[in-house]
């Protein structure tokens, strides 16, 4: 979306669009529809008033005859997204944060490839997961299945968490533990939960139950991840509340979708 010149890389100017979008989003939350305050703030920050998005779109449609639907989308999106930044000729007002220097160098001339950005995000998520894992592992190489259940059920809409904990204690009497690799693979899977949910619905449409083998296969088909048998068994013991050795859409997907919004609570 932000690779406006189509060179398969994102430069500093293109990346700043993200910063501008989030700034405007936060402003919108703060002002709650107060257009005059927004105009005044833009004047104070940039010395000009931001042109309405509709006027930019209108101008764009008059100047450009599209060759295809993609041309329309790409051209209009680029013009709207970059309209403010294009007018801001003095880049000295941009604060070079640590992440900007990391991506684009001290002079801001480096370019960011998709592989570099993906690696950065993957490393960042791994470090966050390590912090969460180490909180429970206390220096050991594993966390208990019960602690794993606590982590999964935190910040969800589950009211009676103690019942789930009791379920785990009864169904997994011999504690084996969850390794960090298993822990990380599960949260990588959660990042692709929507694709997996589609696979589960396919089973439902076919009136087929979801056993452990079907669950593991659906995860692999949807995400490319191979969860260990012990991890899959632990997941079933946590969420199979009616003890039928099957996992329903309601039992798992609904709770995990709620879990994904943990940062907003």
Protein backbone atom coordinates (compact mmCIF):
# COMPACT_ATOMS: atom_id res chain seq x y z
CA UNK A 1 0.00 0.00 0.00
CA UNK A 2 2.72 2.47 0.95
CA UNK A 3 5.20 1.58 -1.79
CA UNK A 4 4.01 4.54 -3.87
CA UNK A 5 6.71 4.36 -6.55
CA UNK A 6 6.46 0.57 -6.94
CA UNK A 7 10.17 -0.18 -6.40
CA UNK A 8 9.45 -3.01 -3.90
CA UNK A 9 10.91 -0.91 -1.09
CA UNK A 10 9.64 1.74 1.31
CA UNK A 11 11.73 4.86 1.86
CA UNK A 12 11.57 7.23 4.81
CA UNK A 13 9.10 9.60 3.15
CA UNK A 14 6.73 6.75 2.33
CA UNK A 15 7.03 5.32 5.86
CA UNK A 16 6.18 8.71 7.41
CA UNK A 17 2.71 8.33 5.94
CA UNK A 18 2.04 5.72 8.65
CA UNK A 19 3.11 8.18 11.33
CA UNK A 20 0.84 10.83 9.82
CA UNK A 21 -2.15 8.48 9.69
CA UNK A 22 -1.79 7.45 13.35
CA UNK A 23 -1.30 11.07 14.37
CA UNK A 24 -4.55 12.02 12.67
CA UNK A 25 -6.35 9.03 14.17
CA UNK A 26 -5.29 10.09 17.66
CA UNK A 27 -6.27 13.67 16.95
CA UNK A 28 -9.70 12.51 15.83
CA UNK A 29 -10.21 10.56 19.05
CA UNK A 30 -9.14 13.53 21.10
CA UNK A 31 -11.20 16.21 19.42
CA UNK A 32 -14.36 14.10 18.96
CA UNK A 33 -15.44 15.79 15.78
CA UNK A 34 -14.22 19.30 16.54
CA UNK A 35 -13.18 20.45 13.05
CA UNK A 36 -12.11 23.94 14.15
CA UNK A 37 -9.67 22.54 16.69
CA UNK A 38 -8.17 20.28 14.02
CA UNK A 39 -7.69 23.18 11.61
CA UNK A 40 -6.10 25.29 14.34
CA UNK A 41 -3.74 22.47 15.32
CA UNK A 42 -2.70 21.93 11.69
CA UNK A 43 -1.98 25.64 11.35
CA UNK A 44 0.15 25.63 14.49
CA UNK A 45 2.09 22.53 13.51
CA UNK A 46 2.56 23.01 9.79
CA UNK A 47 1.62 26.60 8.98
CA UNK A 48 -1.22 25.54 6.67
CA UNK A 49 -4.66 24.02 6.86
CA UNK A 50 -5.04 20.44 5.68
CA UNK A 51 -7.12 20.18 2.53
CA UNK A 52 -10.27 18.04 2.86
CA UNK A 53 -9.83 14.52 1.52
CA UNK A 54 -12.82 14.93 -0.78
CA UNK A 55 -11.20 17.86 -2.58
CA UNK A 56 -8.05 15.82 -3.17
CA UNK A 57 -10.08 12.98 -4.62
CA UNK A 58 -12.04 15.34 -6.82
CA UNK A 59 -8.91 16.96 -8.18
CA UNK A 60 -7.36 13.57 -8.80
CA UNK A 61 -10.33 12.27 -10.76
CA UNK A 62 -10.24 15.31 -13.06
CA UNK A 63 -6.54 14.98 -13.83
CA UNK A 64 -6.20 11.23 -14.34
CA UNK A 65 -7.91 8.82 -16.69
CA UNK A 66 -7.39 5.34 -15.26
CA UNK A 67 -6.25 2.37 -17.33
CA UNK A 68 -7.66 -0.14 -14.84
CA UNK A 69 -9.34 -0.49 -11.47
CA UNK A 70 -5.93 -1.02 -9.85
CA UNK A 71 -4.69 2.26 -11.36
CA UNK A 72 -7.65 4.08 -9.81
CA UNK A 73 -7.03 2.53 -6.42
CA UNK A 74 -3.28 3.05 -6.45
CA UNK A 75 -3.37 6.60 -7.80
CA UNK A 76 -6.14 7.89 -5.52
CA UNK A 77 -4.72 6.17 -2.42
CA UNK A 78 -1.24 7.54 -3.06
CA UNK A 79 -2.52 11.05 -3.65
CA UNK A 80 -4.67 11.07 -0.52
CA UNK A 81 -2.07 9.48 1.71
CA UNK A 82 0.78 11.68 0.54
CA UNK A 83 -1.09 14.97 0.16
CA UNK A 84 -0.04 16.35 3.54
CA UNK A 85 3.53 15.11 3.34
CA UNK A 86 4.03 16.47 -0.16
CA UNK A 87 3.12 19.96 1.02
CA UNK A 88 5.56 19.74 3.89
CA UNK A 89 8.85 20.62 2.19
CA UNK A 90 10.82 21.19 5.40
CA UNK A 91 11.72 17.74 6.73
CA UNK A 92 13.54 19.23 9.68
CA UNK A 93 10.31 19.16 11.69
CA UNK A 94 10.36 15.34 11.54
CA UNK A 95 11.76 13.91 14.75
CA UNK A 96 14.14 11.06 13.97
CA UNK A 97 12.93 8.46 16.41
CA UNK A 98 14.91 5.32 17.19
CA UNK A 99 12.79 3.26 14.83
CA UNK A 100 13.27 5.73 11.95
CA UNK A 101 17.05 5.63 12.42
CA UNK A 102 16.92 1.83 12.66
CA UNK A 103 15.00 1.50 9.38
CA UNK A 104 16.48 4.34 7.32
CA UNK A 105 19.84 5.20 8.88
CA UNK A 106 21.02 8.44 10.47
CA UNK A 107 20.76 10.34 7.19
CA UNK A 108 17.37 8.84 6.35
CA UNK A 109 18.54 7.64 2.93
CA UNK A 110 18.30 3.87 3.44
CA UNK A 111 15.31 1.91 2.15
CA UNK A 112 13.25 -0.74 3.89
CA UNK A 113 12.51 -4.06 2.18
CA UNK A 114 9.60 -6.29 3.03
CA UNK A 115 11.93 -9.04 4.28
CA UNK A 116 13.71 -6.59 6.61
CA UNK A 117 10.43 -5.31 8.03
CA UNK A 118 9.01 -8.82 8.43
CA UNK A 119 12.17 -9.87 10.30
CA UNK A 120 11.89 -6.81 12.55
CA UNK A 121 8.24 -7.56 13.39
CA UNK A 122 8.96 -11.26 13.96
CA UNK A 123 11.85 -10.46 16.32
CA UNK A 124 9.76 -7.88 18.17
CA UNK A 125 6.86 -10.28 18.68
CA UNK A 126 9.28 -13.00 19.80
CA UNK A 127 10.83 -10.71 22.42
CA UNK A 128 7.40 -9.75 23.78
CA UNK A 129 6.44 -13.43 24.00
CA UNK A 130 9.72 -14.23 25.75
CA UNK A 131 8.95 -11.64 28.43
CA UNK A 132 5.52 -13.18 28.99
CA UNK A 133 6.92 -16.72 28.98
CA UNK A 134 9.77 -15.94 31.42
CA UNK A 135 7.29 -14.36 33.84
CA UNK A 136 5.84 -17.84 34.38
CA UNK A 137 8.84 -20.11 33.69
CA UNK A 138 10.97 -18.56 36.48
CA UNK A 139 14.15 -19.43 34.61
CA UNK A 140 13.06 -22.95 33.65
CA UNK A 141 12.77 -24.17 30.07
CA UNK A 142 9.03 -24.84 30.30
CA UNK A 143 5.86 -23.45 31.83
CA UNK A 144 3.13 -25.66 33.25
CA UNK A 145 0.04 -26.49 31.23
CA UNK A 146 -2.00 -24.65 33.87
CA UNK A 147 0.08 -21.49 33.45
CA UNK A 148 -0.33 -21.81 29.68
CA UNK A 149 -4.10 -21.90 30.21
CA UNK A 150 -3.91 -18.81 32.45
CA UNK A 151 -2.04 -16.88 29.76
CA UNK A 152 -4.54 -17.87 27.08
CA UNK A 153 -7.58 -16.98 29.15
CA UNK A 154 -6.32 -13.63 30.40
CA UNK A 155 -8.16 -10.64 28.91
CA UNK A 156 -10.95 -12.79 27.49
CA UNK A 157 -14.68 -12.75 28.12
CA UNK A 158 -14.53 -16.06 29.99
CA UNK A 159 -16.29 -15.54 33.31
CA UNK A 160 -15.49 -18.76 35.16
CA UNK A 161 -11.76 -19.18 34.53
CA UNK A 162 -11.40 -21.36 37.63
CA UNK A 163 -13.53 -24.04 35.94
CA UNK A 164 -11.09 -24.14 33.02
CA UNK A 165 -8.17 -24.39 35.44
CA UNK A 166 -9.81 -27.29 37.23
CA UNK A 167 -10.45 -28.92 33.87
CA UNK A 168 -6.72 -28.73 33.05
CA UNK A 169 -5.71 -30.12 36.45
CA UNK A 170 -8.01 -33.11 36.10
CA UNK A 171 -7.30 -33.89 32.44
CA UNK A 172 -3.52 -33.38 32.55
CA UNK A 173 -2.46 -34.89 35.88
CA UNK A 174 1.09 -35.61 34.69
CA UNK A 175 2.66 -32.24 34.01
CA UNK A 176 4.99 -32.27 31.01
CA UNK A 177 5.24 -28.54 30.43
CA UNK A 178 5.05 -26.22 27.42
CA UNK A 179 8.34 -25.18 25.84
CA UNK A 180 8.98 -21.68 24.47
CA UNK A 181 9.00 -23.03 20.90
CA UNK A 182 5.53 -24.50 21.46
CA UNK A 183 4.41 -21.28 23.13
CA UNK A 184 5.69 -19.15 20.25
CA UNK A 185 4.22 -21.40 17.56
CA UNK A 186 0.79 -21.16 19.18
CA UNK A 187 0.83 -17.35 19.11
CA UNK A 188 2.10 -17.38 15.54
CA UNK A 189 -0.95 -19.48 14.81
CA UNK A 190 -3.18 -16.92 16.56
CA UNK A 191 -1.87 -14.28 14.18
CA UNK A 192 -3.53 -16.29 11.40
CA UNK A 193 -6.69 -17.10 13.34
CA UNK A 194 -9.06 -15.79 10.65
CA UNK A 195 -7.73 -18.26 8.05
CA UNK A 196 -8.02 -21.10 10.55
CA UNK A 197 -11.58 -20.05 11.45
CA UNK A 198 -12.55 -20.52 7.80
CA UNK A 199 -11.09 -24.04 7.86
CA UNK A 200 -13.05 -24.87 11.01
CA UNK A 201 -16.26 -23.60 9.44
CA UNK A 202 -15.66 -25.92 6.49
CA UNK A 203 -15.68 -28.85 8.91
CA UNK A 204 -18.90 -27.56 10.44
CA UNK A 205 -20.56 -27.23 7.03
CA UNK A 206 -19.61 -30.81 6.27
CA UNK A 207 -21.05 -31.89 9.64
CA UNK A 208 -17.66 -33.24 10.65
CA UNK A 209 -16.39 -33.00 14.19
CA UNK A 210 -13.02 -31.47 15.03
CA UNK A 211 -10.78 -33.99 16.75
CA UNK A 212 -7.10 -33.45 17.55
CA UNK A 213 -5.89 -34.77 14.19
CA UNK A 214 -8.35 -32.59 12.28
CA UNK A 215 -7.38 -29.59 14.40
CA UNK A 216 -3.65 -30.07 13.73
CA UNK A 217 -4.28 -30.54 10.00
CA UNK A 218 -6.48 -27.43 9.79
CA UNK A 219 -3.78 -25.38 11.54
CA UNK A 220 -1.14 -26.62 9.10
CA UNK A 221 -3.28 -26.04 6.00
CA UNK A 222 -4.30 -22.55 7.11
CA UNK A 223 -1.01 -21.31 8.55
CA UNK A 224 1.80 -23.69 7.55
CA UNK A 225 2.61 -24.32 11.23
CA UNK A 226 2.99 -27.80 12.70
CA UNK A 227 1.89 -27.78 16.33
CA UNK A 228 3.27 -30.56 18.51
CA UNK A 229 0.92 -33.33 19.58
CA UNK A 230 1.36 -32.36 23.24
CA UNK A 231 0.45 -28.73 22.50
CA UNK A 232 -2.66 -29.76 20.56
CA UNK A 233 -3.68 -32.12 23.37
CA UNK A 234 -3.21 -29.32 25.92
CA UNK A 235 -5.37 -26.96 23.86
CA UNK A 236 -8.12 -29.59 23.73
CA UNK A 237 -7.96 -30.21 27.47
CA UNK A 238 -8.32 -26.47 28.12
CA UNK A 239 -11.20 -25.73 25.76
CA UNK A 240 -13.10 -29.01 25.50
CA UNK A 241 -15.45 -28.08 28.32
CA UNK A 242 -18.03 -30.79 27.59
CA UNK A 243 -15.33 -33.52 27.49
CA UNK A 244 -16.47 -35.00 24.16
CA UNK A 245 -12.90 -35.02 22.77
CA UNK A 246 -14.05 -32.61 20.07
CA UNK A 247 -13.49 -28.88 19.74
CA UNK A 248 -16.37 -26.70 18.65
CA UNK A 249 -16.15 -23.34 16.91
CA UNK A 250 -17.79 -21.67 19.90
CA UNK A 251 -15.50 -23.34 22.42
CA UNK A 252 -12.29 -22.17 20.79
CA UNK A 253 -12.59 -19.48 18.07
CA UNK A 254 -14.89 -17.18 20.02
CA UNK A 255 -12.62 -17.10 23.06
CA UNK A 256 -9.41 -16.74 21.04
CA UNK A 257 -10.79 -13.88 18.95
CA UNK A 258 -11.49 -12.08 22.17
CA UNK A 259 -7.96 -12.90 23.35
CA UNK A 260 -6.46 -11.13 20.32
CA UNK A 261 -7.84 -7.80 21.59
CA UNK A 262 -5.95 -8.09 24.88
CA UNK A 263 -3.94 -4.93 24.19
CA UNK A 264 -7.04 -2.77 24.22
CA UNK A 265 -8.18 -3.79 27.70
